[in-house]
Amino acid sequence: MNWSTALPLLVLGSSLIPGLMIFFLSEEHVVARTALNLASALLKIVLIGGMFWGMLHGYHYESRLPLLPGLDLVLRAEPLSMLFVLLSAGLWLVTTVYAIGYLEESPYRSRFFGFFSLCVTATVGIALAGNLMTFLVFYELLTLCTYPLIVHRGTEVARRAGRIYLTYTIAGGALLLLSSVWLYTLAGTLEFTARGFLSGLDTSLHPTLMLIFALLIAGLGVKAALLPLHGWLPLAMVAPAPVSALLHAVAVVKAGAFGIVRVVYDVYGIEFATGLGVTLPLTILAAATIIYGSLRALFQDELKRRLAFSTVSQVSYIVLGIAVAGPVATIGGLIHLVHQGVQKITLFFCAGNLAETLGIHKISEMNGVGWRMPWTMSAFTIGAFGMIGAPPLAGFFSKWYLGRGALDAGQDWVILILAGSSILNAAYFLPILYIAWFKKPPDSWPAERTFGRQETAWALLLPPLVTALMTLVLGLLASAPFGLLEWARLIVNRGLAQ
């Protein structure tokens, strides 16, 4: 084994091994647990950075391990996988810092951080998967690792949310397994390939391939929270704020959306999928989810539930960009994979700060909170305007490229969806900002904790400030030669998988 074959395994192991070690630490080993968490998160970024540098300089990184006869477990670095890996690793680091502060006095921290690390391991495996079977293995591992985090509080509400999550995701995984096996029997391979590996099959199989496509989207649509498979997501908001951030920005919903990108481009191929007529129904489904999620968000008083329905809407922008089936729209979808993650994690960090510092869980309790927690609410404001699509923040560029791409592809009606969604985004975010900054604060907060001169603990405040700054920088540098847009163009021009 040389460096090129070892590096993908090292990237995976940098969170897997520390995660397994953390399980064996007692609750009192705070320093050791914190050191393992931070060291592994930093090591993963260093390893991924090295792999990214090597990929840009022409090195090929691929690990293959025998899994089944004719099917290997494949981990491969290529531009699309590196986009997701870098997002996951970067946001994992800030989420780890946040979780350390958030769970400072909570029980069962070793169990939490053990599964937390395994979740990131599974997400990195999904990102680096070189074929559909490898993707499926890590996709199911992600389901098993996130369940203990959702039920972490141990309440009946948490257990119910966990049961519903498992029901949805195991059913989705079963559909994904069925469709993968079916595809293998038809094509003899599940290897992700630029422009897909199915276009050469006999035309008599096209109706079957259309059915399999529907099964794949149904299986992946559970985690991507596509309508009507989204029901688990708002219920899972009972989990601690770091888990909500993980579900919405780093791991679960992104895994579903990323899987749909793989299926459309690297399994079917965008030209073949368009020829089969399966992309238009997917576009309509994504558009319906965008509007539905925004409408439901409008009527939620609980802050995390409003953010959850916002996620249902916003993640479908990624699917919309892919399904519109044009290069510009695809760029919009790919950059939104990053933009939505950074913006949404900012909002969940802030929601967690309000709950942990002042006991605020509902929007109706947020009158004047901007004056009590100005840094937290400044970060929230940037994240909210990013979600609305206000220039020059990151979200503006997502919507701009999605709109331009829809016009280029001759699907003008998508502009109405984007415009309507932006209006709805403003309708459910701006009232929060208004009452937070312009209403008179109450005489007392529901459950206030003091942190000296600071508005809250530094470990809770630093992460949202960093991600809010990232929202601004991603927008300002979007068109720079080394910016995210250039990377997305590279991915599209190379036909996604290598």
Foldseek 3Di string as FASTA:
>chain_A
DDPQQCLLVVLLVLLQVLLVVLLPDAPPPLVVNLCSQQVSLVVSLVSLVVVVVVVVVPRWHKHWDDDDVLDTFIFTDDLQLSLLLNLQSVLSNLLSLQVCQLCVPPPPVSLQSSLSSQLSSLQNQLSRGQFLVSNLVSLVSNLVSLLCQLCVVVDPLSVVLSVVSNVLLVVLSVLSVVLQVVVCVQQVGGGFDQQARPPPGDPVCLVVVLVSLVSNLSSLCLQLLFPPNNVSQLSSLSGALSSNLCSQFRGRNLSSLSSNLSCCQRHNGVVNCVVSVNLVVQLVRLLVQLLVLLVVLLPFFFQSSSLRSLSSNQSSQLSNLVSLRFLLSNLLSSLSSNLRSLLSSLQSLLCNQCCVAQVDGGLVQQAQQCVLAVLSVVLNVLSLCLSLLDPLFSNVSSLVSNCVRNVVSVNNVVNVSNVSSSVSSCSNRVVSNCRRHPGDHDPGGPHHDDDPPHSGDPSSRVSSNVSSVVRRVLSVCCPPCPHSSVSSSVCVVVSNDD
